[in-house]
């Protein structure tokens, strides 16, 4: 059997019918754009808050000199009270007080 009509002309297959109108499609398209815009704004706000928190932590957490923080990272024991450490502290792996120039050990 062929898809020929009684006058022997081939019949085209029918295209599927859409359940949505063009206006429904445009409404969905605009809703998608609004969703994407809100999501982008939310991501930018979260990023800004995280950057602010990092900046605040770096600003307020800078009470200790960088050298002492690096020394702690490498396991050198430093005194908890702020004070200068002698350069020999790195070899001794603990904070040694700076000796006065007039005194000899």
PDB file of N, CA and C in Angstrom:
ATOM      1  N   UNK A   1       0.837  -1.167   0.000  1.00  0.00           N
ATOM      2  CA  UNK A   1       0.000   0.000   0.000  1.00  0.00           C
ATOM      3  C   UNK A   1       0.883   1.230   0.000  1.00  0.00           C
ATOM      4  N   UNK A   2       0.464   2.178  -0.691  1.00  0.00           N
ATOM      5  CA  UNK A   2       1.222   3.418  -0.767  1.00  0.00           C
ATOM      6  C   UNK A   2       0.411   4.551  -0.167  1.00  0.00           C
ATOM      7  N   UNK A   3       1.083   5.645   0.063  1.00  0.00           N
ATOM      8  CA  UNK A   3       0.424   6.812   0.633  1.00  0.00           C
ATOM      9  C   UNK A   3      -0.126   7.717  -0.460  1.00  0.00           C
ATOM     10  N   UNK A   4      -0.656   7.159  -1.452  1.00  0.00           N
ATOM     11  CA  UNK A   4      -1.177   7.954  -2.556  1.00  0.00           C
ATOM     12  C   UNK A   4      -2.669   8.194  -2.347  1.00  0.00           C
ATOM     13  N   UNK A   5      -3.093   9.395  -2.709  1.00  0.00           N
ATOM     14  CA  UNK A   5      -4.511   9.709  -2.649  1.00  0.00           C
ATOM     15  C   UNK A   5      -5.181   9.143  -3.899  1.00  0.00           C
ATOM     16  N   UNK A   6      -6.479   9.221  -3.984  1.00  0.00           N
ATOM     17  CA  UNK A   6      -7.141   8.645  -5.152  1.00  0.00           C
ATOM     18  C   UNK A   6      -6.650   9.207  -6.480  1.00  0.00           C
ATOM     19  N   UNK A   7      -6.146  10.417  -6.564  1.00  0.00           N
ATOM     20  CA  UNK A   7      -5.660  10.926  -7.833  1.00  0.00           C
ATOM     21  C   UNK A   7      -4.148  10.753  -7.972  1.00  0.00           C
ATOM     22  N   UNK A   8      -3.539   9.817  -7.264  1.00  0.00           N
ATOM     23  CA  UNK A   8      -2.134   9.418  -7.373  1.00  0.00           C
ATOM     24  C   UNK A   8      -1.139  10.537  -7.083  1.00  0.00           C
ATOM     25  N   UNK A   9      -1.421  11.431  -6.154  1.00  0.00           N
ATOM     26  CA  UNK A   9      -0.449  12.427  -5.710  1.00  0.00           C
ATOM     27  C   UNK A   9       0.052  12.004  -4.342  1.00  0.00           C
ATOM     28  N   UNK A  10       1.368  12.040  -4.127  1.00  0.00           N
ATOM     29  CA  UNK A  10       1.874  11.607  -2.808  1.00  0.00           C
ATOM     30  C   UNK A  10       1.406  12.551  -1.705  1.00  0.00           C
ATOM     31  N   UNK A  11       1.083  11.981  -0.580  1.00  0.00           N
ATOM     32  CA  UNK A  11       0.580  12.757   0.551  1.00  0.00           C
ATOM     33  C   UNK A  11       1.732  13.044   1.512  1.00  0.00           C
ATOM     34  N   UNK A  12       1.862  14.308   1.936  1.00  0.00           N
ATOM     35  CA  UNK A  12       2.907  14.684   2.875  1.00  0.00           C
ATOM     36  C   UNK A  12       2.515  14.248   4.280  1.00  0.00           C
ATOM     37  N   UNK A  13       3.521  13.800   5.066  1.00  0.00           N
ATOM     38  CA  UNK A  13       3.184  13.456   6.458  1.00  0.00           C
ATOM     39  C   UNK A  13       2.806  14.715   7.229  1.00  0.00           C
ATOM     40  N   UNK A  14       1.917  14.558   8.152  1.00  0.00           N
ATOM     41  CA  UNK A  14       1.461  15.706   8.937  1.00  0.00           C
ATOM     42  C   UNK A  14       2.523  16.082   9.964  1.00  0.00           C
ATOM     43  N   UNK A  15       2.703  17.385  10.140  1.00  0.00           N
ATOM     44  CA  UNK A  15       3.628  17.877  11.140  1.00  0.00           C
ATOM     45  C   UNK A  15       2.967  17.791  12.504  1.00  0.00           C
ATOM     46  N   UNK A  16       3.758  17.522  13.560  1.00  0.00           N
ATOM     47  CA  UNK A  16       3.151  17.426  14.895  1.00  0.00           C
ATOM     48  C   UNK A  16       2.571  18.774  15.311  1.00  0.00           C
ATOM     49  N   UNK A  17       1.457  18.732  15.948  1.00  0.00           N
ATOM     50  CA  UNK A  17       0.794  19.940  16.405  1.00  0.00           C
ATOM     51  C   UNK A  17       1.350  20.333  17.784  1.00  0.00           C
ATOM     52  N   UNK A  18       1.678  21.609  17.941  1.00  0.00           N
ATOM     53  CA  UNK A  18       2.191  22.100  19.207  1.00  0.00           C
ATOM     54  C   UNK A  18       1.033  22.326  20.167  1.00  0.00           C
ATOM     55  N   UNK A  19       1.293  22.027  21.436  1.00  0.00           N
ATOM     56  CA  UNK A  19       0.262  22.258  22.446  1.00  0.00           C
ATOM     57  C   UNK A  19       0.335  23.673  22.995  1.00  0.00           C
ATOM     58  N   UNK A  20       1.415  24.390  22.695  1.00  0.00           N
ATOM     59  CA  UNK A  20       1.577  25.753  23.184  1.00  0.00           C
ATOM     60  C   UNK A  20       1.419  26.743  22.034  1.00  0.00           C
ATOM     61  N   UNK A  21       0.911  27.878  22.381  1.00  0.00           N
ATOM     62  CA  UNK A  21       0.804  28.936  21.374  1.00  0.00           C
ATOM     63  C   UNK A  21       2.095  29.736  21.351  1.00  0.00           C
ATOM     64  N   UNK A  22       2.215  30.603  20.379  1.00  0.00           N
ATOM     65  CA  UNK A  22       3.401  31.458  20.289  1.00  0.00           C
ATOM     66  C   UNK A  22       3.510  32.365  21.516  1.00  0.00           C
ATOM     67  N   UNK A  23       2.385  32.845  22.001  1.00  0.00           N
ATOM     68  CA  UNK A  23       2.394  33.702  23.191  1.00  0.00           C
ATOM     69  C   UNK A  23       2.861  32.925  24.422  1.00  0.00           C
ATOM     70  N   UNK A  24       2.455  31.658  24.535  1.00  0.00           N
ATOM     71  CA  UNK A  24       2.935  30.826  25.649  1.00  0.00           C
ATOM     72  C   UNK A  24       4.446  30.637  25.569  1.00  0.00           C
ATOM     73  N   UNK A  25       4.939  30.421  24.357  1.00  0.00           N
ATOM     74  CA  UNK A  25       6.378  30.254  24.175  1.00  0.00           C
ATOM     75  C   UNK A  25       7.141  31.509  24.550  1.00  0.00           C
ATOM     76  N   UNK A  26       6.634  32.675  24.173  1.00  0.00           N
ATOM     77  CA  UNK A  26       7.295  33.930  24.516  1.00  0.00           C
ATOM     78  C   UNK A  26       7.273  34.172  26.027  1.00  0.00           C
ATOM     79  N   UNK A  27       6.191  33.781  26.680  1.00  0.00           N
ATOM     80  CA  UNK A  27       6.100  33.919  28.140  1.00  0.00           C
ATOM     81  C   UNK A  27       7.156  33.043  28.813  1.00  0.00           C
ATOM     82  N   UNK A  28       7.296  31.816  28.332  1.00  0.00           N
ATOM     83  CA  UNK A  28       8.311  30.924  28.897  1.00  0.00           C
ATOM     84  C   UNK A  28       9.720  31.460  28.639  1.00  0.00           C
ATOM     85  N   UNK A  29       9.936  32.016  27.471  1.00  0.00           N
ATOM     86  CA  UNK A  29      11.249  32.577  27.118  1.00  0.00           C
ATOM     87  C   UNK A  29      11.610  33.740  28.038  1.00  0.00           C
ATOM     88  N   UNK A  30      10.639  34.628  28.288  1.00  0.00           N
ATOM     89  CA  UNK A  30      10.891  35.758  29.186  1.00  0.00           C
ATOM     90  C   UNK A  30      11.115  35.279  30.616  1.00  0.00           C
ATOM     91  N   UNK A  31      10.354  34.271  31.036  1.00  0.00           N
ATOM     92  CA  UNK A  31      10.525  33.729  32.395  1.00  0.00           C
ATOM     93  C   UNK A  31      11.919  33.119  32.548  1.00  0.00           C
ATOM     94  N   UNK A  32      12.411  32.466  31.507  1.00  0.00           N
ATOM     95  CA  UNK A  32      13.752  31.899  31.556  1.00  0.00           C
ATOM     96  C   UNK A  32      14.795  33.000  31.680  1.00  0.00           C
ATOM     97  N   UNK A  33      14.611  34.087  30.942  1.00  0.00           N
ATOM     98  CA  UNK A  33      15.547  35.211  31.029  1.00  0.00           C
ATOM     99  C   UNK A  33      15.547  35.836  32.423  1.00  0.00           C
ATOM    100  N   UNK A  34      14.377  35.979  33.014  1.00  0.00           N
ATOM    101  CA  UNK A  34      14.277  36.545  34.368  1.00  0.00           C
ATOM    102  C   UNK A  34      14.960  35.625  35.365  1.00  0.00           C
ATOM    103  N   UNK A  35      14.762  34.315  35.222  1.00  0.00           N
ATOM    104  CA  UNK A  35      15.391  33.345  36.121  1.00  0.00           C
ATOM    105  C   UNK A  35      16.914  33.437  36.020  1.00  0.00           C
ATOM    106  N   UNK A  36      17.420  33.512  34.804  1.00  0.00           N
ATOM    107  CA  UNK A  36      18.872  33.599  34.614  1.00  0.00           C
ATOM    108  C   UNK A  36      19.430  34.900  35.199  1.00  0.00           C
ATOM    109  N   UNK A  37      18.710  35.991  35.026  1.00  0.00           N
ATOM    110  CA  UNK A  37      19.173  37.275  35.570  1.00  0.00           C
ATOM    111  C   UNK A  37      19.196  37.233  37.100  1.00  0.00           C
ATOM    112  N   UNK A  38      18.165  36.684  37.697  1.00  0.00           N
ATOM    113  CA  UNK A  38      18.132  36.595  39.171  1.00  0.00           C
ATOM    114  C   UNK A  38      19.246  35.700  39.689  1.00  0.00           C
ATOM    115  N   UNK A  39      19.479  34.595  38.978  1.00  0.00           N
ATOM    116  CA  UNK A  39      20.533  33.679  39.406  1.00  0.00           C
ATOM    117  C   UNK A  39      21.902  34.357  39.302  1.00  0.00           C
ATOM    118  N   UNK A  40      22.123  35.111  38.243  1.00  0.00           N
ATOM    119  CA  UNK A  40      23.402  35.816  38.078  1.00  0.00           C
ATOM    120  C   UNK A  40      23.591  36.861  39.169  1.00  0.00           C
ATOM    121  N   UNK A  41      22.537  37.601  39.478  1.00  0.00           N
ATOM    122  CA  UNK A  41      22.629  38.610  40.551  1.00  0.00           C
ATOM    123  C   UNK A  41      22.931  37.939  41.880  1.00  0.00           C
ATOM    124  N   UNK A  42      22.272  36.823  42.149  1.00  0.00           N
ATOM    125  CA  UNK A  42      22.498  36.097  43.405  1.00  0.00           C
ATOM    126  C   UNK A  42      23.952  35.627  43.489  1.00  0.00           C
ATOM    127  N   UNK A  43      24.492  35.109  42.376  1.00  0.00           N
ATOM    128  CA  UNK A  43      25.879  34.656  42.382  1.00  0.00           C
ATOM    129  C   UNK A  43      26.848  35.814  42.604  1.00  0.00           C
ATOM    130  N   UNK A  44      26.572  36.968  42.006  1.00  0.00           N
ATOM    131  CA  UNK A  44      27.439  38.129  42.210  1.00  0.00           C
ATOM    132  C   UNK A  44      27.374  38.627  43.646  1.00  0.00           C
ATOM    133  N   UNK A  45      26.212  38.596  44.258  1.00  0.00           N
ATOM    134  CA  UNK A  45      26.083  39.026  45.654  1.00  0.00           C
ATOM    135  C   UNK A  45      26.858  38.079  46.564  1.00  0.00           C
ATOM    136  N   UNK A  46      26.744  36.779  46.313  1.00  0.00           N
ATOM    137  CA  UNK A  46      27.482  35.809  47.129  1.00  0.00           C
ATOM    138  C   UNK A  46      28.987  35.997  46.949  1.00  0.00           C
ATOM    139  N   UNK A  47      29.431  36.211  45.718  1.00  0.00           N
ATOM    140  CA  UNK A  47      30.846  36.444  45.469  1.00  0.00           C
ATOM    141  C   UNK A  47      31.337  37.702  46.179  1.00  0.00           C
ATOM    142  N   UNK A  48      30.538  38.767  46.129  1.00  0.00           N
ATOM    143  CA  UNK A  48      30.922  40.012  46.798  1.00  0.00           C
ATOM    144  C   UNK A  48      31.009  39.816  48.311  1.00  0.00           C
ATOM    145  N   UNK A  49      30.070  39.075  48.881  1.00  0.00           N
ATOM    146  CA  UNK A  49      30.107  38.820  50.328  1.00  0.00           C
ATOM    147  C   UNK A  49      31.323  37.981  50.714  1.00  0.00           C
ATOM    148  N   UNK A  50      31.656  36.994  49.895  1.00  0.00           N
ATOM    149  CA  UNK A  50      32.837  36.181  50.192  1.00  0.00           C
ATOM    150  C   UNK A  50      34.115  37.011  50.100  1.00  0.00           C
ATOM    151  N   UNK A  51      34.208  37.852  49.087  1.00  0.00           N
ATOM    152  CA  UNK A  51      35.385  38.707  48.977  1.00  0.00           C
ATOM    153  C   UNK A  51      35.479  39.688  50.142  1.00  0.00           C
ATOM    154  N   UNK A  52      34.336  40.206  50.567  1.00  0.00           N
ATOM    155  CA  UNK A  52      34.325  41.096  51.714  1.00  0.00           C
ATOM    156  C   UNK A  52      34.770  40.355  52.976  1.00  0.00           C
ATOM    157  N   UNK A  53      34.305  39.119  53.152  1.00  0.00           N
ATOM    158  CA  UNK A  53      34.692  38.344  54.330  1.00  0.00           C
ATOM    159  C   UNK A  53      36.193  38.052  54.325  1.00  0.00           C
ATOM    160  N   UNK A  54      36.739  37.726  53.160  1.00  0.00           N
ATOM    161  CA  UNK A  54      38.175  37.461  53.066  1.00  0.00           C
ATOM    162  C   UNK A  54      38.957  38.737  53.358  1.00  0.00           C
ATOM    163  N   UNK A  55      38.523  39.845  52.787  1.00  0.00           N
ATOM    164  CA  UNK A  55      39.199  41.112  53.036  1.00  0.00           C
ATOM    165  C   UNK A  55      39.134  41.493  54.515  1.00  0.00           C
ATOM    166  N   UNK A  56      37.992  41.285  55.131  1.00  0.00           N
ATOM    167  CA  UNK A  56      37.840  41.585  56.552  1.00  0.00           C
ATOM    168  C   UNK A  56      38.734  40.687  57.392  1.00  0.00           C
ATOM    169  N   UNK A  57      38.793  39.404  57.042  1.00  0.00           N
ATOM    170  CA  UNK A  57      39.642  38.480  57.798  1.00  0.00           C
ATOM    171  C   UNK A  57      41.111  38.843  57.655  1.00  0.00           C
ATOM    172  N   UNK A  58      41.514  39.248  56.453  1.00  0.00           N
ATOM    173  CA  UNK A  58      42.916  39.630  56.265  1.00  0.00           C
ATOM    174  C   UNK A  58      43.238  40.931  56.987  1.00  0.00           C
ATOM    175  N   UNK A  59      42.278  41.837  57.007  1.00  0.00           N
ATOM    176  CA  UNK A  59      42.513  43.121  57.666  1.00  0.00           C
ATOM    177  C   UNK A  59      42.572  42.963  59.180  1.00  0.00           C
ATOM    178  N   UNK A  60      41.621  42.239  59.742  1.00  0.00           N
ATOM    179  CA  UNK A  60      41.572  42.111  61.193  1.00  0.00           C
ATOM    180  C   UNK A  60      42.502  41.030  61.722  1.00  0.00           C
ATOM    181  N   UNK A  61      42.883  40.093  60.881  1.00  0.00           N
ATOM    182  CA  UNK A  61      43.745  39.005  61.329  1.00  0.00           C
ATOM    183  C   UNK A  61      45.212  39.328  61.199  1.00  0.00           C
ATOM    184  N   UNK A  62      45.565  40.525  60.815  1.00  0.00           N
ATOM    185  CA  UNK A  62      46.957  40.873  60.608  1.00  0.00           C
ATOM    186  C   UNK A  62      47.635  41.395  61.851  1.00  0.00           C
ATOM    187  N   UNK A  63      47.305  40.886  63.018  1.00  0.00           N
ATOM    188  CA  UNK A  63      47.895  41.364  64.263  1.00  0.00           C
ATOM    189  C   UNK A  63      49.292  40.802  64.472  1.00  0.00           C
ATOM    190  N   UNK A  64      49.646  39.765  63.778  1.00  0.00           N
ATOM    191  CA  UNK A  64      50.920  39.114  63.987  1.00  0.00           C
ATOM    192  C   UNK A  64      51.818  39.388  62.788  1.00  0.00           C
ATOM    193  N   UNK A  65      53.083  39.657  63.000  1.00  0.00           N
ATOM    194  CA  UNK A  65      53.976  39.889  61.867  1.00  0.00           C
ATOM    195  C   UNK A  65      54.051  38.651  60.963  1.00  0.00           C
ATOM    196  N   UNK A  66      54.328  38.902  59.713  1.00  0.00           N
ATOM    197  CA  UNK A  66      54.363  37.827  58.726  1.00  0.00           C
ATOM    198  C   UNK A  66      55.424  36.781  59.060  1.00  0.00           C
ATOM    199  N   UNK A  67      56.551  37.220  59.546  1.00  0.00           N
ATOM    200  CA  UNK A  67      57.639  36.289  59.844  1.00  0.00           C
ATOM    201  C   UNK A  67      57.223  35.287  60.922  1.00  0.00           C
ATOM    202  N   UNK A  68      56.502  35.779  61.923  1.00  0.00           N
ATOM    203  CA  UNK A  68      56.072  34.883  63.004  1.00  0.00           C
ATOM    204  C   UNK A  68      55.027  33.899  62.507  1.00  0.00           C
ATOM    205  N   UNK A  69      54.142  34.365  61.615  1.00  0.00           N
ATOM    206  CA  UNK A  69      53.142  33.454  61.054  1.00  0.00           C
ATOM    207  C   UNK A  69      53.773  32.365  60.213  1.00  0.00           C
ATOM    208  N   UNK A  70      54.797  32.733  59.421  1.00  0.00           N
ATOM    209  CA  UNK A  70      55.501  31.744  58.603  1.00  0.00           C
ATOM    210  C   UNK A  70      56.279  30.784  59.497  1.00  0.00           C
ATOM    211  N   UNK A  71      56.862  31.324  60.552  1.00  0.00           N
ATOM    212  CA  UNK A  71      57.592  30.464  61.481  1.00  0.00           C
ATOM    213  C   UNK A  71      56.656  29.442  62.115  1.00  0.00           C
ATOM    214  N   UNK A  72      55.462  29.842  62.464  1.00  0.00           N
ATOM    215  CA  UNK A  72      54.498  28.900  63.039  1.00  0.00           C
ATOM    216  C   UNK A  72      54.096  27.838  62.026  1.00  0.00           C
ATOM    217  N   UNK A  73      53.993  28.236  60.764  1.00  0.00           N
ATOM    218  CA  UNK A  73      53.627  27.257  59.730  1.00  0.00           C
ATOM    219  C   UNK A  73      54.683  26.167  59.610  1.00  0.00           C
ATOM    220  N   UNK A  74      55.952  26.522  59.829  1.00  0.00           N
ATOM    221  CA  UNK A  74      57.027  25.550  59.725  1.00  0.00           C
ATOM    222  C   UNK A  74      57.311  24.849  61.052  1.00  0.00           C
ATOM    223  N   UNK A  75      56.459  25.034  62.038  1.00  0.00           N
ATOM    224  CA  UNK A  75      56.578  24.299  63.292  1.00  0.00           C
ATOM    225  C   UNK A  75      57.487  24.929  64.322  1.00  0.00           C
ATOM    226  N   UNK A  76      57.923  26.136  64.101  1.00  0.00           N
ATOM    227  CA  UNK A  76      58.770  26.804  65.081  1.00  0.00           C
ATOM    228  C   UNK A  76      57.866  27.360  66.166  1.00  0.00           C
ATOM    229  N   UNK A  77      58.169  27.036  67.405  1.00  0.00           N
ATOM    230  CA  UNK A  77      57.332  27.489  68.518  1.00  0.00           C
ATOM    231  C   UNK A  77      57.678  28.926  68.864  1.00  0.00           C
ATOM    232  N   UNK A  78      56.680  29.763  68.822  1.00  0.00           N
ATOM    233  CA  UNK A  78      56.884  31.178  69.143  1.00  0.00           C
ATOM    234  C   UNK A  78      56.084  31.498  70.399  1.00  0.00           C
ATOM    235  N   UNK A  79      56.557  32.478  71.142  1.00  0.00           N
ATOM    236  CA  UNK A  79      55.834  32.840  72.356  1.00  0.00           C
ATOM    237  C   UNK A  79      54.500  33.488  71.981  1.00  0.00           C
ATOM    238  N   UNK A  80      53.482  33.275  72.801  1.00  0.00           N
ATOM    239  CA  UNK A  80      52.170  33.806  72.467  1.00  0.00           C
ATOM    240  C   UNK A  80      52.067  35.319  72.610  1.00  0.00           C
ATOM    241  N   UNK A  81      52.956  35.903  73.388  1.00  0.00           N
ATOM    242  CA  UNK A  81      52.928  37.346  73.567  1.00  0.00           C
ATOM    243  C   UNK A  81      53.767  38.004  72.491  1.00  0.00           C
ATOM    244  N   UNK A  82      53.315  39.140  71.981  1.00  0.00           N
ATOM    245  CA  UNK A  82      54.100  39.779  70.932  1.00  0.00           C
ATOM    246  C   UNK A  82      55.430  40.273  71.472  1.00  0.00           C
ATOM    247  N   UNK A  83      56.430  40.058  70.715  1.00  0.00           N
ATOM    248  CA  UNK A  83      57.772  40.497  71.099  1.00  0.00           C
ATOM    249  C   UNK A  83      58.746  40.090  70.026  1.00  0.00           C
ATOM    250  N   UNK A  84      59.884  40.768  69.973  1.00  0.00           N
ATOM    251  CA  UNK A  84      60.851  40.426  68.929  1.00  0.00           C
ATOM    252  C   UNK A  84      61.570  39.118  69.239  1.00  0.00           C
ATOM    253  N   UNK A  85      61.818  38.362  68.218  1.00  0.00           N
ATOM    254  CA  UNK A  85      62.578  37.120  68.351  1.00  0.00           C
ATOM    255  C   UNK A  85      63.937  37.309  67.687  1.00  0.00           C
ATOM    256  N   UNK A  86      64.922  36.666  68.241  1.00  0.00           N
ATOM    257  CA  UNK A  86      66.270  36.748  67.689  1.00  0.00           C
ATOM    258  C   UNK A  86      66.336  35.953  66.392  1.00  0.00           C
ATOM    259  N   UNK A  87      67.261  36.307  65.489  1.00  0.00           N
ATOM    260  CA  UNK A  87      67.397  35.553  64.240  1.00  0.00           C
ATOM    261  C   UNK A  87      67.759  34.087  64.471  1.00  0.00           C
ATOM    262  N   UNK A  88      68.362  33.776  65.605  1.00  0.00           N
ATOM    263  CA  UNK A  88      68.730  32.380  65.903  1.00  0.00           C
ATOM    264  C   UNK A  88      67.512  31.528  66.211  1.00  0.00           C
ATOM    265  N   UNK A  89      66.360  32.133  66.352  1.00  0.00           N
ATOM    266  CA  UNK A  89      65.151  31.391  66.698  1.00  0.00           C
ATOM    267  C   UNK A  89      64.802  30.354  65.642  1.00  0.00           C
ATOM    268  N   UNK A  90      65.120  30.641  64.405  1.00  0.00           N
ATOM    269  CA  UNK A  90      64.781  29.684  63.355  1.00  0.00           C
ATOM    270  C   UNK A  90      65.610  28.410  63.471  1.00  0.00           C
ATOM    271  N   UNK A  91      66.884  28.542  63.883  1.00  0.00           N
ATOM    272  CA  UNK A  91      67.686  27.334  64.067  1.00  0.00           C
ATOM    273  C   UNK A  91      67.288  26.604  65.349  1.00  0.00           C
ATOM    274  N   UNK A  92      66.930  27.335  66.379  1.00  0.00           N
ATOM    275  CA  UNK A  92      66.563  26.725  67.654  1.00  0.00           C
ATOM    276  C   UNK A  92      65.133  26.190  67.644  1.00  0.00           C
ATOM    277  N   UNK A  93      64.350  26.554  66.644  1.00  0.00           N
ATOM    278  CA  UNK A  93      62.958  26.144  66.480  1.00  0.00           C
ATOM    279  C   UNK A  93      62.080  26.584  67.648  1.00  0.00           C
ATOM    280  N   UNK A  94      62.459  27.686  68.276  1.00  0.00           N
ATOM    281  CA  UNK A  94      61.630  28.338  69.286  1.00  0.00           C
ATOM    282  C   UNK A  94      62.058  29.793  69.371  1.00  0.00           C
ATOM    283  N   UNK A  95      61.207  30.617  69.944  1.00  0.00           N
ATOM    284  CA  UNK A  95      61.494  32.045  69.992  1.00  0.00           C
ATOM    285  C   UNK A  95      62.513  32.329  71.095  1.00  0.00           C
ATOM    286  N   UNK A  96      63.656  32.852  70.691  1.00  0.00           N
ATOM    287  CA  UNK A  96      64.688  33.247  71.647  1.00  0.00           C
ATOM    288  C   UNK A  96      64.659  34.764  71.756  1.00  0.00           C
ATOM    289  N   UNK A  97      64.724  35.301  72.970  1.00  0.00           N
ATOM    290  CA  UNK A  97      64.699  36.757  73.106  1.00  0.00           C
ATOM    291  C   UNK A  97      65.980  37.376  72.552  1.00  0.00           C
ATOM    292  N   UNK A  98      65.831  38.581  72.070  1.00  0.00           N
ATOM    293  CA  UNK A  98      66.990  39.311  71.556  1.00  0.00           C
ATOM    294  C   UNK A  98      67.812  39.789  72.743  1.00  0.00           C
ATOM    295  N   UNK A  99      69.102  39.511  72.711  1.00  0.00           N
ATOM    296  CA  UNK A  99      69.968  39.916  73.813  1.00  0.00           C
ATOM    297  C   UNK A  99      70.498  41.312  73.535  1.00  0.00           C
ATOM    298  N   UNK A 100      70.718  42.035  74.626  1.00  0.00           N
ATOM    299  CA  UNK A 100      71.260  43.390  74.497  1.00  0.00           C
ATOM    300  C   UNK A 100      72.701  43.314  74.017  1.00  0.00           C
ATOM    301  N   UNK A 101      73.135  44.358  73.289  1.00  0.00           N
ATOM    302  CA  UNK A 101      74.466  44.342  72.713  1.00  0.00           C
ATOM    303  C   UNK A 101      75.559  44.396  73.782  1.00  0.00           C
ATOM    304  N   UNK A 102      75.279  44.970  74.901  1.00  0.00           N
ATOM    305  CA  UNK A 102      76.300  45.084  75.953  1.00  0.00           C
ATOM    306  C   UNK A 102      76.501  43.780  76.717  1.00  0.00           C
ATOM    307  N   UNK A 103      75.507  42.906  76.746  1.00  0.00           N
ATOM    308  CA  UNK A 103      75.614  41.666  77.502  1.00  0.00           C
ATOM    309  C   UNK A 103      76.202  40.577  76.625  1.00  0.00           C
ATOM    310  N   UNK A 104      76.940  39.659  77.264  1.00  0.00           N
ATOM    311  CA  UNK A 104      77.433  38.476  76.561  1.00  0.00           C
ATOM    312  C   UNK A 104      76.941  37.265  77.317  1.00  0.00           C
ATOM    313  N   UNK A 105      76.554  36.229  76.583  1.00  0.00           N
ATOM    314  CA  UNK A 105      76.047  35.034  77.278  1.00  0.00           C
ATOM    315  C   UNK A 105      77.096  34.229  77.964  1.00  0.00           C
TER     316      UNK A 105
END
